[in-house]
Protein backbone atom coordinates (compact mmCIF):
# COMPACT_ATOMS: atom_id res chain seq x y z
CA MET A 1 106.30 155.16 31.86
CA ILE A 2 104.26 154.23 34.96
CA ILE A 3 100.95 154.65 33.41
CA LYS A 4 102.21 152.00 30.95
CA ILE A 5 103.41 149.80 33.17
CA VAL A 6 100.40 149.29 34.99
CA ASN A 7 98.04 148.56 31.77
CA ASN A 8 100.53 146.26 30.11
CA LYS A 9 99.18 142.95 32.03
CA GLN A 10 102.38 141.12 31.77
CA ALA A 11 104.47 143.78 33.74
CA LEU A 12 101.70 144.54 36.23
CA ALA A 13 101.91 140.64 37.10
CA GLY A 14 105.40 140.63 37.52
CA LEU A 15 105.34 144.18 39.23
CA VAL A 16 103.26 141.96 41.50
CA MET A 17 104.72 138.66 41.92
CA ILE A 18 108.43 141.09 42.83
CA ALA A 19 106.08 143.49 45.14
CA LEU A 20 104.82 140.21 47.19
CA VAL A 21 108.12 138.56 47.34
CA SER A 22 109.76 141.67 48.64
CA LEU A 23 107.12 142.46 51.46
CA VAL A 24 107.78 138.86 52.44
CA ALA A 25 111.96 138.63 52.47
CA ALA A 26 111.56 141.94 54.07
CA THR A 27 109.18 140.85 56.86
CA ALA A 28 110.30 137.52 57.12
CA PRO A 29 111.76 137.65 60.64
CA LEU A 30 108.89 139.39 61.76
CA ILE A 31 106.09 137.34 59.99
CA VAL A 32 107.82 133.50 60.99
CA PRO A 33 105.49 131.20 62.74
CA ASN A 34 108.22 129.40 64.42
CA ASP A 35 112.01 129.42 64.55
CA PRO A 36 113.32 128.37 61.29
CA HIS A 37 116.46 127.25 63.01
CA LYS A 38 115.09 124.76 65.81
CA ILE A 39 116.01 121.29 65.59
CA ASP A 40 113.39 118.93 66.91
CA ILE A 41 113.86 115.48 66.34
CA LEU A 42 111.06 114.25 68.24
CA ASN A 43 108.75 116.44 65.33
CA ARG A 44 110.36 114.91 62.51
CA PHE A 45 108.23 114.69 58.86
CA LEU A 46 105.15 116.32 60.68
CA SER A 47 102.35 116.55 58.12
CA ALA A 48 100.57 120.40 58.27
CA ASN A 49 98.66 121.33 61.32
CA ALA A 50 98.23 124.50 63.09
CA GLN A 51 101.61 124.80 64.65
CA TYR A 52 103.59 123.82 61.18
CA PRO A 53 101.37 124.82 58.51
CA LEU A 54 103.38 122.97 56.08
CA GLY A 55 104.81 120.55 58.20
CA THR A 56 108.03 119.95 59.51
CA ASP A 57 111.46 118.80 57.66
CA GLN A 58 113.86 115.78 58.52
CA LEU A 59 115.47 117.52 61.04
CA GLY A 60 111.79 118.69 63.23
CA ARG A 61 112.56 122.53 61.68
CA CYS A 62 109.57 124.48 60.35
CA VAL A 63 109.40 124.46 56.61
CA LEU A 64 106.98 127.59 56.40
CA SER A 65 109.65 129.60 58.29
CA ARG A 66 112.47 128.10 56.39
CA LEU A 67 110.89 129.28 53.10
CA LEU A 68 109.79 132.59 54.55
CA LEU A 69 113.69 133.30 55.46
CA GLY A 70 114.63 131.85 52.37
CA ALA A 71 113.33 135.01 50.42
CA SER A 72 115.29 137.19 52.83
CA TYR A 73 118.42 135.07 51.65
CA SER A 74 117.74 134.90 47.96
CA LEU A 75 116.87 138.61 47.88
CA GLY A 76 119.02 139.88 50.57
CA ILE A 77 121.99 138.61 48.71
CA ALA A 78 121.22 138.97 44.82
CA VAL A 79 119.48 142.75 45.01
CA PRO A 80 122.89 144.05 46.35
CA THR A 81 125.12 141.79 44.11
CA LEU A 82 123.07 143.19 41.25
CA MET A 83 123.14 146.74 42.32
CA ALA A 84 126.73 146.80 42.34
CA LEU A 85 127.53 144.85 39.18
CA GLY A 86 125.07 147.59 37.43
CA GLY A 87 127.27 150.36 38.94
CA ILE A 88 130.28 148.76 37.63
CA GLY A 89 129.05 148.15 34.35
CA LEU A 90 127.85 151.54 34.10
CA ILE A 91 130.90 153.69 35.02
CA LEU A 92 133.18 151.01 32.91
CA GLY A 93 131.36 150.30 30.19
CA THR A 94 130.31 154.03 29.20
CA SER A 95 133.65 155.40 30.10
CA ALA A 96 135.27 152.77 27.88
CA ALA A 97 132.92 153.14 25.32
CA TYR A 98 133.30 157.13 24.89
CA LEU A 99 136.99 157.68 25.63
CA GLY A 100 137.89 154.74 23.28
CA GLY A 101 141.27 154.18 21.98
CA ARG A 102 143.71 151.94 24.02
CA LEU A 103 141.29 152.17 26.98
CA GLU A 104 138.55 150.97 25.23
CA ARG A 105 140.89 148.02 23.69
CA ALA A 106 142.27 147.11 27.09
CA PHE A 107 138.92 147.38 28.16
CA LEU A 108 137.51 144.77 25.81
CA ILE A 109 140.53 142.85 26.21
CA ILE A 110 140.09 141.99 29.85
CA CYS A 111 135.85 141.55 29.52
CA ASP A 112 136.71 138.88 26.83
CA LEU A 113 139.24 136.89 29.41
CA PHE A 114 136.68 136.78 31.84
CA MET A 115 134.16 135.68 29.54
CA ALA A 116 136.14 132.89 28.17
CA PHE A 117 136.32 131.20 31.90
CA PRO A 118 132.83 129.34 32.98
CA SER A 119 131.44 131.61 35.80
CA LEU A 120 131.12 128.25 37.90
CA VAL A 121 134.81 127.75 37.50
CA ILE A 122 135.87 131.28 38.71
CA VAL A 123 132.93 131.11 41.80
CA LEU A 124 134.82 128.07 42.75
CA SER A 125 138.52 128.84 42.89
CA LEU A 126 137.40 132.04 45.15
CA VAL A 127 134.86 129.92 47.19
CA GLY A 128 138.01 127.54 47.52
CA ALA A 129 140.47 130.28 48.67
CA LEU A 130 138.04 133.16 50.63
CA GLY A 131 136.12 130.42 52.58
CA GLN A 132 132.66 129.79 53.28
CA GLY A 133 130.39 132.38 54.12
CA ILE A 134 127.54 135.08 52.14
CA PRO A 135 130.52 137.77 51.39
CA SER A 136 132.69 135.04 50.03
CA ILE A 137 129.76 134.21 47.48
CA VAL A 138 128.71 137.81 46.84
CA VAL A 139 132.75 138.63 45.91
CA ALA A 140 132.91 135.33 43.93
CA VAL A 141 129.88 136.38 41.88
CA MET A 142 130.95 139.87 41.49
CA PHE A 143 134.11 139.07 40.18
CA SER A 144 132.97 136.77 37.88
CA LEU A 145 130.15 138.31 36.07
CA TRP A 146 130.95 142.14 35.76
CA ALA A 147 132.72 141.88 32.54
CA TRP A 148 129.27 140.46 31.10
CA TYR A 149 127.27 143.75 32.38
CA ALA A 150 130.00 146.06 31.68
CA LYS A 151 130.38 144.31 28.26
CA VAL A 152 126.79 145.03 27.89
CA VAL A 153 126.96 148.66 28.93
CA TRP A 154 129.61 149.50 26.52
CA SER A 155 127.39 148.21 23.64
CA TYR A 156 124.72 150.38 24.69
CA ALA A 157 126.87 153.33 24.78
CA CYS A 158 128.76 153.02 21.85
CA LEU A 159 125.37 152.95 19.69
CA GLU A 160 124.44 156.53 22.40
CA LYS A 161 127.49 157.99 21.75
CA SER A 162 127.10 158.88 18.31
CA LYS A 163 123.63 160.57 18.42
CA ASP A 164 123.13 164.34 18.15
CA TYR A 165 122.76 165.28 21.36
CA ILE A 166 126.76 164.03 22.70
CA LEU A 167 127.85 166.01 19.64
CA ALA A 168 125.93 168.89 21.09
CA CYS A 169 127.31 168.39 24.15
CA ILE A 170 130.67 168.36 22.82
CA ILE A 171 130.59 171.30 20.98
CA ALA A 172 129.19 172.95 23.91
CA GLY A 173 132.54 172.18 25.59
CA CYS A 174 131.34 169.71 28.06
CA ASN A 175 134.45 167.57 29.80
CA TYR A 176 134.02 163.98 29.55
CA ARG A 177 132.99 163.17 32.99
CA ARG A 178 129.92 165.56 32.31
CA ILE A 179 128.91 163.74 29.10
CA ILE A 180 129.07 160.66 30.70
CA PHE A 181 127.47 160.82 33.98
CA ARG A 182 124.73 163.58 33.10
CA HIS A 183 123.84 162.46 29.07
CA LEU A 184 125.11 159.11 28.24
CA ILE A 185 124.28 157.03 31.51
CA PRO A 186 121.11 158.77 32.01
CA ASN A 187 119.68 157.89 28.39
CA LEU A 188 120.97 154.65 28.19
CA PHE A 189 119.94 153.27 31.19
CA PRO A 190 116.15 152.44 31.01
CA GLN A 191 117.62 150.16 28.12
CA PHE A 192 119.82 148.70 31.14
CA LEU A 193 116.88 148.10 33.30
CA VAL A 194 115.73 146.20 31.33
CA TYR A 195 119.31 143.94 31.34
CA LEU A 196 119.25 144.47 35.04
CA SER A 197 115.47 142.95 35.80
CA THR A 198 115.94 139.92 33.57
CA GLY A 199 119.30 139.79 35.48
CA MET A 200 117.75 139.44 38.45
CA ALA A 201 115.99 136.17 37.61
CA SER A 202 119.53 134.58 36.40
CA MET A 203 121.35 136.40 39.97
CA ILE A 204 118.49 134.45 42.23
CA ILE A 205 118.98 131.19 39.97
CA MET A 206 122.32 131.13 40.28
CA ILE A 207 122.87 131.87 44.29
CA SER A 208 120.47 128.98 44.85
CA GLY A 209 122.41 126.67 42.81
CA PHE A 210 125.75 127.66 44.06
CA SER A 211 123.71 127.06 47.60
CA PHE A 212 122.44 123.69 46.32
CA LEU A 213 126.49 122.69 45.82
CA GLY A 214 127.17 123.74 49.20
CA LEU A 215 129.07 126.75 48.15
CA GLY A 216 128.92 129.70 49.99
CA PHE A 217 126.72 128.93 53.08
CA GLU A 218 126.87 127.27 56.14
CA SER A 219 124.97 123.99 56.67
CA GLY A 220 121.71 124.22 58.19
CA THR A 221 120.89 128.18 56.53
CA PRO A 222 117.58 128.46 55.70
CA GLU A 223 118.16 129.56 51.55
CA TRP A 224 116.11 127.82 48.72
CA GLY A 225 118.76 126.20 47.09
CA ALA A 226 120.25 124.80 50.24
CA MET A 227 116.57 123.51 51.15
CA LEU A 228 116.21 121.58 48.09
CA ASN A 229 119.72 120.36 48.90
CA GLU A 230 118.94 118.95 51.88
CA ALA A 231 115.37 117.58 50.44
CA ARG A 232 117.63 115.31 48.06
CA ALA A 233 117.65 112.36 50.75
CA SER A 234 114.01 112.37 51.40
CA PHE A 235 112.21 113.22 47.63
CA TYR A 236 110.80 109.80 47.31
CA SER A 237 108.96 109.87 50.75
CA HIS A 238 108.38 113.53 51.36
CA PRO A 239 108.47 114.89 47.49
CA THR A 240 106.87 117.94 48.89
CA PHE A 241 109.94 119.47 50.35
CA VAL A 242 111.54 119.86 47.04
CA LEU A 243 108.41 121.50 45.33
CA TYR A 244 108.33 124.15 47.75
CA PRO A 245 111.70 125.95 48.05
CA GLY A 246 111.54 125.13 43.98
CA LEU A 247 108.18 126.87 43.03
CA CYS A 248 109.67 129.68 45.10
CA ILE A 249 112.78 129.70 43.31
CA LEU A 250 110.28 129.38 40.10
CA LEU A 251 108.00 132.14 40.66
CA THR A 252 110.68 134.39 41.87
CA ALA A 253 112.63 134.07 39.00
CA ALA A 254 109.09 134.36 36.88
CA GLY A 255 108.27 137.41 38.17
CA PHE A 256 111.31 139.23 37.35
CA ASN A 257 111.64 138.00 33.89
CA LEU A 258 107.66 139.08 33.13
CA PHE A 259 108.64 143.00 34.28
CA GLY A 260 111.57 142.84 32.55
CA GLU A 261 110.00 141.94 29.01
CA ALA A 262 107.75 143.90 29.53
CA LEU A 263 109.74 146.40 30.36
CA ARG A 264 111.90 145.77 27.45
CA ASP A 265 108.51 145.90 24.89
CA ILE A 266 107.16 149.32 26.42
CA ILE A 267 110.84 150.80 26.05
CA SER A 268 111.81 149.64 22.64
CA PRO A 269 108.74 148.81 21.33
CA GLU A 270 110.61 148.67 17.82
CA GLU A 271 112.43 145.76 18.84
CA VAL A 272 109.23 144.25 19.24
CA SER A 273 107.52 145.01 16.09
CA GLU A 274 111.02 143.51 14.45
């Protein structure tokens, strides 16, 4: 698998982009040239210089420092949220698909109910009830998207449970827990990993979109979507304030999409040939 990824130019390009953004996110508090929260009205709208490599914004804050710290916010929220969604989806989806019966019917009905409502409506309602803050946005996103991930896993598990090795496990006397956790989940996980990789791009865009709308983040938070929102007022006079965070979102999402699509080609080449 690793050799195939290294030999695939698209996967390697996506992996390099993901690695760079992850490295920046992990080391951002250490490498920022200035305090990203410091307001200096006397130094508003400074052009690029030695102290402020990308200049300052409308409040005199270092643009580069805020962009670097924005990676920590975007990935720091998106990665744990997606991992939690993936875990919930794997357990609920495989259990419903394998056990079947009334449990499966109830699972599908509940999933359809959640999927019938737009994610934005659910997030708006929950953030309004829970209040502002990163925990609120994480809970709201998980509550609005868990059904999508669980149903994708259910579709994978329905195909997987009909294979001969599952029948062999049943004949060998394996209980349902062993079949689900030791056989079903490990065998469908590579396919689900592709969905998670491309889902990471969607998650980053979604979180940036919510922060652009002012949901879940306090005013002044150095998050890419929030920076886009703040830059609207000075778009015509300083368009680069919109360009920088927009490029960060684009390149990060593109990295995960490139890697996810290449991983799909490697894991399921038959889908590509079709």
